[in-house]
């Protein structure tokens, strides 16, 4: 199954709040997720729908799916190299 489709089935929306992504997929607090977004050190881009520092941050579902797929491919390659 395609990761983006699976995420869409779970979340039902194309833009995911950063606070949810941070907690559910990265295991970090909302405060830490916002800090990393400000430093541009998250593994995917974030965006605001309004030009305001008070506007919530979002992650595009496609960007999260690509990140998950990249991690899975790296894990698969590592596993295949180490398999006897």
PDB file of N, CA and C in Angstrom:
ATOM      1  N   UNK A   1       0.840  -1.180   0.000  1.00  0.00           N
ATOM      2  CA  UNK A   1       0.000   0.000   0.000  1.00  0.00           C
ATOM      3  C   UNK A   1       0.885   1.243   0.000  1.00  0.00           C
ATOM      4  N   UNK A   2       0.476   2.238  -0.703  1.00  0.00           N
ATOM      5  CA  UNK A   2       1.194   3.493  -0.794  1.00  0.00           C
ATOM      6  C   UNK A   2       1.127   4.224   0.550  1.00  0.00           C
ATOM      7  N   UNK A   3       2.245   4.717   1.019  1.00  0.00           N
ATOM      8  CA  UNK A   3       2.305   5.387   2.318  1.00  0.00           C
ATOM      9  C   UNK A   3       1.406   6.612   2.364  1.00  0.00           C
ATOM     10  N   UNK A   4       1.397   7.400   1.305  1.00  0.00           N
ATOM     11  CA  UNK A   4       0.549   8.599   1.281  1.00  0.00           C
ATOM     12  C   UNK A   4      -0.925   8.224   1.396  1.00  0.00           C
ATOM     13  N   UNK A   5      -1.343   7.174   0.702  1.00  0.00           N
ATOM     14  CA  UNK A   5      -2.740   6.738   0.797  1.00  0.00           C
ATOM     15  C   UNK A   5      -3.060   6.243   2.202  1.00  0.00           C
ATOM     16  N   UNK A   6      -2.129   5.524   2.804  1.00  0.00           N
ATOM     17  CA  UNK A   6      -2.343   5.029   4.165  1.00  0.00           C
ATOM     18  C   UNK A   6      -2.475   6.192   5.148  1.00  0.00           C
ATOM     19  N   UNK A   7      -1.610   7.195   5.007  1.00  0.00           N
ATOM     20  CA  UNK A   7      -1.703   8.367   5.879  1.00  0.00           C
ATOM     21  C   UNK A   7      -3.012   9.115   5.658  1.00  0.00           C
ATOM     22  N   UNK A   8      -3.444   9.210   4.404  1.00  0.00           N
ATOM     23  CA  UNK A   8      -4.709   9.880   4.106  1.00  0.00           C
ATOM     24  C   UNK A   8      -5.870   9.125   4.738  1.00  0.00           C
ATOM     25  N   UNK A   9      -5.808   7.802   4.715  1.00  0.00           N
ATOM     26  CA  UNK A   9      -6.873   7.004   5.328  1.00  0.00           C
ATOM     27  C   UNK A   9      -6.918   7.224   6.839  1.00  0.00           C
ATOM     28  N   UNK A  10      -5.757   7.372   7.455  1.00  0.00           N
ATOM     29  CA  UNK A  10      -5.693   7.576   8.902  1.00  0.00           C
ATOM     30  C   UNK A  10      -6.119   8.992   9.282  1.00  0.00           C
ATOM     31  N   UNK A  11      -5.586   9.984   8.573  1.00  0.00           N
ATOM     32  CA  UNK A  11      -5.785  11.376   8.976  1.00  0.00           C
ATOM     33  C   UNK A  11      -6.920  12.077   8.237  1.00  0.00           C
ATOM     34  N   UNK A  12      -7.208  11.664   7.015  1.00  0.00           N
ATOM     35  CA  UNK A  12      -8.310  12.249   6.262  1.00  0.00           C
ATOM     36  C   UNK A  12      -8.117  13.689   5.833  1.00  0.00           C
ATOM     37  N   UNK A  13      -6.876  14.154   5.801  1.00  0.00           N
ATOM     38  CA  UNK A  13      -6.612  15.527   5.368  1.00  0.00           C
ATOM     39  C   UNK A  13      -5.208  15.619   4.786  1.00  0.00           C
ATOM     40  N   UNK A  14      -5.020  16.553   3.867  1.00  0.00           N
ATOM     41  CA  UNK A  14      -3.748  16.688   3.169  1.00  0.00           C
ATOM     42  C   UNK A  14      -2.703  17.454   3.976  1.00  0.00           C
ATOM     43  N   UNK A  15      -3.154  18.307   4.889  1.00  0.00           N
ATOM     44  CA  UNK A  15      -2.249  19.065   5.748  1.00  0.00           C
ATOM     45  C   UNK A  15      -2.417  18.589   7.181  1.00  0.00           C
ATOM     46  N   UNK A  16      -1.312  18.238   7.801  1.00  0.00           N
ATOM     47  CA  UNK A  16      -1.348  17.720   9.167  1.00  0.00           C
ATOM     48  C   UNK A  16      -0.739  18.744  10.117  1.00  0.00           C
ATOM     49  N   UNK A  17      -1.390  19.027  11.241  1.00  0.00           N
ATOM     50  CA  UNK A  17      -0.808  19.959  12.206  1.00  0.00           C
ATOM     51  C   UNK A  17       0.549  19.453  12.698  1.00  0.00           C
ATOM     52  N   UNK A  18       1.522  20.343  12.752  1.00  0.00           N
ATOM     53  CA  UNK A  18       2.866  19.962  13.183  1.00  0.00           C
ATOM     54  C   UNK A  18       2.843  19.333  14.568  1.00  0.00           C
ATOM     55  N   UNK A  19       2.008  19.832  15.452  1.00  0.00           N
ATOM     56  CA  UNK A  19       1.958  19.273  16.813  1.00  0.00           C
ATOM     57  C   UNK A  19       1.590  17.796  16.786  1.00  0.00           C
ATOM     58  N   UNK A  20       0.685  17.403  15.875  1.00  0.00           N
ATOM     59  CA  UNK A  20       0.297  15.995  15.760  1.00  0.00           C
ATOM     60  C   UNK A  20       1.416  15.156  15.154  1.00  0.00           C
ATOM     61  N   UNK A  21       2.041  15.680  14.111  1.00  0.00           N
ATOM     62  CA  UNK A  21       3.130  14.958  13.448  1.00  0.00           C
ATOM     63  C   UNK A  21       4.303  14.777  14.410  1.00  0.00           C
ATOM     64  N   UNK A  22       4.642  15.835  15.129  1.00  0.00           N
ATOM     65  CA  UNK A  22       5.749  15.752  16.081  1.00  0.00           C
ATOM     66  C   UNK A  22       5.521  14.691  17.137  1.00  0.00           C
ATOM     67  N   UNK A  23       4.334  14.689  17.703  1.00  0.00           N
ATOM     68  CA  UNK A  23       4.030  13.733  18.769  1.00  0.00           C
ATOM     69  C   UNK A  23       3.913  12.312  18.237  1.00  0.00           C
ATOM     70  N   UNK A  24       3.166  12.142  17.154  1.00  0.00           N
ATOM     71  CA  UNK A  24       2.852  10.795  16.673  1.00  0.00           C
ATOM     72  C   UNK A  24       3.993  10.139  15.900  1.00  0.00           C
ATOM     73  N   UNK A  25       4.712  10.903  15.100  1.00  0.00           N
ATOM     74  CA  UNK A  25       5.707  10.298  14.214  1.00  0.00           C
ATOM     75  C   UNK A  25       7.155  10.557  14.627  1.00  0.00           C
ATOM     76  N   UNK A  26       7.406  11.632  15.355  1.00  0.00           N
ATOM     77  CA  UNK A  26       8.777  11.946  15.744  1.00  0.00           C
ATOM     78  C   UNK A  26       9.034  11.753  17.233  1.00  0.00           C
ATOM     79  N   UNK A  27       7.983  11.611  18.011  1.00  0.00           N
ATOM     80  CA  UNK A  27       8.139  11.416  19.446  1.00  0.00           C
ATOM     81  C   UNK A  27       8.681  12.636  20.170  1.00  0.00           C
ATOM     82  N   UNK A  28       8.330  13.825  19.683  1.00  0.00           N
ATOM     83  CA  UNK A  28       8.787  15.058  20.321  1.00  0.00           C
ATOM     84  C   UNK A  28       7.579  15.912  20.698  1.00  0.00           C
ATOM     85  N   UNK A  29       7.784  16.810  21.630  1.00  0.00           N
ATOM     86  CA  UNK A  29       6.705  17.682  22.090  1.00  0.00           C
ATOM     87  C   UNK A  29       6.375  18.735  21.038  1.00  0.00           C
ATOM     88  N   UNK A  30       5.237  19.375  21.206  1.00  0.00           N
ATOM     89  CA  UNK A  30       4.844  20.464  20.316  1.00  0.00           C
ATOM     90  C   UNK A  30       5.875  21.585  20.374  1.00  0.00           C
ATOM     91  N   UNK A  31       6.327  21.908  21.573  1.00  0.00           N
ATOM     92  CA  UNK A  31       7.323  22.970  21.733  1.00  0.00           C
ATOM     93  C   UNK A  31       8.610  22.637  20.982  1.00  0.00           C
ATOM     94  N   UNK A  32       9.071  21.401  21.103  1.00  0.00           N
ATOM     95  CA  UNK A  32      10.293  20.981  20.408  1.00  0.00           C
ATOM     96  C   UNK A  32      10.082  20.961  18.898  1.00  0.00           C
ATOM     97  N   UNK A  33       8.920  20.522  18.447  1.00  0.00           N
ATOM     98  CA  UNK A  33       8.622  20.506  17.009  1.00  0.00           C
ATOM     99  C   UNK A  33       8.646  21.925  16.445  1.00  0.00           C
ATOM    100  N   UNK A  34       8.040  22.869  17.161  1.00  0.00           N
ATOM    101  CA  UNK A  34       8.042  24.264  16.704  1.00  0.00           C
ATOM    102  C   UNK A  34       9.456  24.843  16.724  1.00  0.00           C
ATOM    103  N   UNK A  35      10.238  24.477  17.730  1.00  0.00           N
ATOM    104  CA  UNK A  35      11.625  24.955  17.799  1.00  0.00           C
ATOM    105  C   UNK A  35      12.427  24.458  16.600  1.00  0.00           C
ATOM    106  N   UNK A  36      12.292  23.177  16.315  1.00  0.00           N
ATOM    107  CA  UNK A  36      13.024  22.600  15.175  1.00  0.00           C
ATOM    108  C   UNK A  36      12.532  23.163  13.847  1.00  0.00           C
ATOM    109  N   UNK A  37      11.240  23.438  13.752  1.00  0.00           N
ATOM    110  CA  UNK A  37      10.712  24.049  12.526  1.00  0.00           C
ATOM    111  C   UNK A  37      11.328  25.432  12.336  1.00  0.00           C
ATOM    112  N   UNK A  38      11.444  26.183  13.420  1.00  0.00           N
ATOM    113  CA  UNK A  38      12.048  27.511  13.348  1.00  0.00           C
ATOM    114  C   UNK A  38      13.512  27.476  12.950  1.00  0.00           C
ATOM    115  N   UNK A  39      14.200  26.415  13.348  1.00  0.00           N
ATOM    116  CA  UNK A  39      15.613  26.241  12.994  1.00  0.00           C
ATOM    117  C   UNK A  39      15.791  25.521  11.658  1.00  0.00           C
ATOM    118  N   UNK A  40      14.683  25.084  11.081  1.00  0.00           N
ATOM    119  CA  UNK A  40      14.695  24.355   9.809  1.00  0.00           C
ATOM    120  C   UNK A  40      15.479  23.050   9.930  1.00  0.00           C
ATOM    121  N   UNK A  41      15.310  22.351  11.061  1.00  0.00           N
ATOM    122  CA  UNK A  41      16.033  21.096  11.272  1.00  0.00           C
ATOM    123  C   UNK A  41      15.116  19.876  11.288  1.00  0.00           C
ATOM    124  N   UNK A  42      13.852  20.068  10.974  1.00  0.00           N
ATOM    125  CA  UNK A  42      12.967  18.912  10.832  1.00  0.00           C
ATOM    126  C   UNK A  42      13.307  18.200   9.526  1.00  0.00           C
ATOM    127  N   UNK A  43      12.995  16.927   9.410  1.00  0.00           N
ATOM    128  CA  UNK A  43      13.336  16.184   8.190  1.00  0.00           C
ATOM    129  C   UNK A  43      12.382  16.445   7.024  1.00  0.00           C
ATOM    130  N   UNK A  44      11.485  17.400   7.164  1.00  0.00           N
ATOM    131  CA  UNK A  44      10.536  17.768   6.109  1.00  0.00           C
ATOM    132  C   UNK A  44      10.137  19.224   6.321  1.00  0.00           C
ATOM    133  N   UNK A  45       9.650  19.879   5.274  1.00  0.00           N
ATOM    134  CA  UNK A  45       9.268  21.291   5.412  1.00  0.00           C
ATOM    135  C   UNK A  45       7.957  21.472   6.177  1.00  0.00           C
ATOM    136  N   UNK A  46       7.811  22.641   6.766  1.00  0.00           N
ATOM    137  CA  UNK A  46       6.559  23.031   7.416  1.00  0.00           C
ATOM    138  C   UNK A  46       6.069  24.310   6.753  1.00  0.00           C
ATOM    139  N   UNK A  47       4.794  24.606   6.971  1.00  0.00           N
ATOM    140  CA  UNK A  47       4.222  25.806   6.357  1.00  0.00           C
ATOM    141  C   UNK A  47       3.118  26.373   7.229  1.00  0.00           C
ATOM    142  N   UNK A  48       2.852  27.649   7.041  1.00  0.00           N
ATOM    143  CA  UNK A  48       1.723  28.329   7.672  1.00  0.00           C
ATOM    144  C   UNK A  48       0.766  28.738   6.557  1.00  0.00           C
ATOM    145  N   UNK A  49      -0.517  28.732   6.845  1.00  0.00           N
ATOM    146  CA  UNK A  49      -1.506  29.111   5.842  1.00  0.00           C
ATOM    147  C   UNK A  49      -1.763  30.610   5.825  1.00  0.00           C
ATOM    148  N   UNK A  50      -1.232  31.313   6.804  1.00  0.00           N
ATOM    149  CA  UNK A  50      -1.327  32.768   6.854  1.00  0.00           C
ATOM    150  C   UNK A  50       0.048  33.328   7.184  1.00  0.00           C
ATOM    151  N   UNK A  51       0.293  34.546   6.771  1.00  0.00           N
ATOM    152  CA  UNK A  51       1.568  35.197   7.049  1.00  0.00           C
ATOM    153  C   UNK A  51       1.518  35.813   8.444  1.00  0.00           C
ATOM    154  N   UNK A  52       1.553  34.937   9.440  1.00  0.00           N
ATOM    155  CA  UNK A  52       1.473  35.366  10.833  1.00  0.00           C
ATOM    156  C   UNK A  52       2.225  34.362  11.696  1.00  0.00           C
ATOM    157  N   UNK A  53       3.023  34.862  12.625  1.00  0.00           N
ATOM    158  CA  UNK A  53       3.747  33.980  13.536  1.00  0.00           C
ATOM    159  C   UNK A  53       2.804  33.204  14.444  1.00  0.00           C
ATOM    160  N   UNK A  54       1.578  33.698  14.588  1.00  0.00           N
ATOM    161  CA  UNK A  54       0.594  33.028  15.437  1.00  0.00           C
ATOM    162  C   UNK A  54      -0.157  31.920  14.700  1.00  0.00           C
ATOM    163  N   UNK A  55      -0.049  31.895  13.380  1.00  0.00           N
ATOM    164  CA  UNK A  55      -0.730  30.864  12.592  1.00  0.00           C
ATOM    165  C   UNK A  55      -0.088  29.507  12.878  1.00  0.00           C
ATOM    166  N   UNK A  56      -0.889  28.453  12.944  1.00  0.00           N
ATOM    167  CA  UNK A  56      -0.319  27.128  13.219  1.00  0.00           C
ATOM    168  C   UNK A  56       0.548  26.626  12.063  1.00  0.00           C
ATOM    169  N   UNK A  57       1.472  25.776  12.400  1.00  0.00           N
ATOM    170  CA  UNK A  57       2.345  25.149  11.406  1.00  0.00           C
ATOM    171  C   UNK A  57       1.739  23.830  10.951  1.00  0.00           C
ATOM    172  N   UNK A  58       1.910  23.533   9.665  1.00  0.00           N
ATOM    173  CA  UNK A  58       1.398  22.305   9.082  1.00  0.00           C
ATOM    174  C   UNK A  58       2.500  21.585   8.319  1.00  0.00           C
ATOM    175  N   UNK A  59       2.302  20.287   8.134  1.00  0.00           N
ATOM    176  CA  UNK A  59       3.174  19.447   7.312  1.00  0.00           C
ATOM    177  C   UNK A  59       2.300  18.858   6.215  1.00  0.00           C
ATOM    178  N   UNK A  60       2.775  18.930   4.974  1.00  0.00           N
ATOM    179  CA  UNK A  60       2.034  18.300   3.883  1.00  0.00           C
ATOM    180  C   UNK A  60       2.135  16.788   4.030  1.00  0.00           C
ATOM    181  N   UNK A  61       1.023  16.123   3.873  1.00  0.00           N
ATOM    182  CA  UNK A  61       0.963  14.668   3.991  1.00  0.00           C
ATOM    183  C   UNK A  61       1.976  14.012   3.049  1.00  0.00           C
ATOM    184  N   UNK A  62       2.115  14.538   1.839  1.00  0.00           N
ATOM    185  CA  UNK A  62       3.055  13.967   0.867  1.00  0.00           C
ATOM    186  C   UNK A  62       4.496  14.051   1.362  1.00  0.00           C
ATOM    187  N   UNK A  63       4.841  15.149   2.035  1.00  0.00           N
ATOM    188  CA  UNK A  63       6.203  15.302   2.560  1.00  0.00           C
ATOM    189  C   UNK A  63       6.476  14.307   3.685  1.00  0.00           C
ATOM    190  N   UNK A  64       5.493  14.117   4.558  1.00  0.00           N
ATOM    191  CA  UNK A  64       5.640  13.125   5.629  1.00  0.00           C
ATOM    192  C   UNK A  64       5.755  11.722   5.039  1.00  0.00           C
ATOM    193  N   UNK A  65       4.933  11.417   4.045  1.00  0.00           N
ATOM    194  CA  UNK A  65       4.974  10.097   3.404  1.00  0.00           C
ATOM    195  C   UNK A  65       6.337   9.853   2.753  1.00  0.00           C
ATOM    196  N   UNK A  66       6.882  10.854   2.087  1.00  0.00           N
ATOM    197  CA  UNK A  66       8.193  10.716   1.448  1.00  0.00           C
ATOM    198  C   UNK A  66       9.271  10.457   2.503  1.00  0.00           C
ATOM    199  N   UNK A  67       9.201  11.162   3.620  1.00  0.00           N
ATOM    200  CA  UNK A  67      10.153  10.962   4.718  1.00  0.00           C
ATOM    201  C   UNK A  67      10.068   9.529   5.247  1.00  0.00           C
ATOM    202  N   UNK A  68       8.860   9.045   5.474  1.00  0.00           N
ATOM    203  CA  UNK A  68       8.669   7.674   5.966  1.00  0.00           C
ATOM    204  C   UNK A  68       9.189   6.667   4.947  1.00  0.00           C
ATOM    205  N   UNK A  69       8.886   6.879   3.671  1.00  0.00           N
ATOM    206  CA  UNK A  69       9.357   5.973   2.620  1.00  0.00           C
ATOM    207  C   UNK A  69      10.882   5.957   2.541  1.00  0.00           C
ATOM    208  N   UNK A  70      11.506   7.125   2.673  1.00  0.00           N
ATOM    209  CA  UNK A  70      12.974   7.195   2.644  1.00  0.00           C
ATOM    210  C   UNK A  70      13.586   6.424   3.814  1.00  0.00           C
ATOM    211  N   UNK A  71      12.998   6.576   4.997  1.00  0.00           N
ATOM    212  CA  UNK A  71      13.489   5.827   6.163  1.00  0.00           C
ATOM    213  C   UNK A  71      13.316   4.324   5.965  1.00  0.00           C
ATOM    214  N   UNK A  72      12.178   3.931   5.416  1.00  0.00           N
ATOM    215  CA  UNK A  72      11.914   2.510   5.185  1.00  0.00           C
ATOM    216  C   UNK A  72      12.901   1.934   4.171  1.00  0.00           C
ATOM    217  N   UNK A  73      13.203   2.689   3.129  1.00  0.00           N
ATOM    218  CA  UNK A  73      14.146   2.215   2.117  1.00  0.00           C
ATOM    219  C   UNK A  73      15.550   2.084   2.706  1.00  0.00           C
ATOM    220  N   UNK A  74      15.954   3.034   3.524  1.00  0.00           N
ATOM    221  CA  UNK A  74      17.256   2.955   4.184  1.00  0.00           C
ATOM    222  C   UNK A  74      17.318   1.737   5.097  1.00  0.00           C
ATOM    223  N   UNK A  75      16.266   1.512   5.856  1.00  0.00           N
ATOM    224  CA  UNK A  75      16.218   0.348   6.753  1.00  0.00           C
ATOM    225  C   UNK A  75      16.262  -0.952   5.959  1.00  0.00           C
ATOM    226  N   UNK A  76      15.533  -1.003   4.848  1.00  0.00           N
ATOM    227  CA  UNK A  76      15.524  -2.207   4.014  1.00  0.00           C
ATOM    228  C   UNK A  76      16.913  -2.477   3.440  1.00  0.00           C
ATOM    229  N   UNK A  77      17.568  -1.441   2.935  1.00  0.00           N
ATOM    230  CA  UNK A  77      18.912  -1.600   2.369  1.00  0.00           C
ATOM    231  C   UNK A  77      19.900  -2.082   3.423  1.00  0.00           C
ATOM    232  N   UNK A  78      19.838  -1.497   4.602  1.00  0.00           N
ATOM    233  CA  UNK A  78      20.718  -1.910   5.697  1.00  0.00           C
ATOM    234  C   UNK A  78      20.465  -3.360   6.074  1.00  0.00           C
ATOM    235  N   UNK A  79      19.201  -3.722   6.167  1.00  0.00           N
ATOM    236  CA  UNK A  79      18.830  -5.086   6.524  1.00  0.00           C
ATOM    237  C   UNK A  79      19.315  -6.075   5.464  1.00  0.00           C
ATOM    238  N   UNK A  80      19.129  -5.743   4.178  1.00  0.00           N
ATOM    239  CA  UNK A  80      19.547  -6.644   3.101  1.00  0.00           C
ATOM    240  C   UNK A  80      21.059  -6.830   3.089  1.00  0.00           C
ATOM    241  N   UNK A  81      21.807  -5.775   3.380  1.00  0.00           N
ATOM    242  CA  UNK A  81      23.265  -5.886   3.412  1.00  0.00           C
ATOM    243  C   UNK A  81      23.742  -6.748   4.574  1.00  0.00           C
ATOM    244  N   UNK A  82      22.993  -6.736   5.670  1.00  0.00           N
ATOM    245  CA  UNK A  82      23.434  -7.488   6.843  1.00  0.00           C
ATOM    246  C   UNK A  82      22.846  -8.895   6.911  1.00  0.00           C
ATOM    247  N   UNK A  83      21.863  -9.190   6.066  1.00  0.00           N
ATOM    248  CA  UNK A  83      21.231 -10.517   6.084  1.00  0.00           C
ATOM    249  C   UNK A  83      22.210 -11.562   5.554  1.00  0.00           C
ATOM    250  N   UNK A  84      22.216 -12.699   6.185  1.00  0.00           N
ATOM    251  CA  UNK A  84      23.127 -13.781   5.772  1.00  0.00           C
ATOM    252  C   UNK A  84      22.376 -14.767   4.919  1.00  0.00           C
TER     253      UNK A  84
END
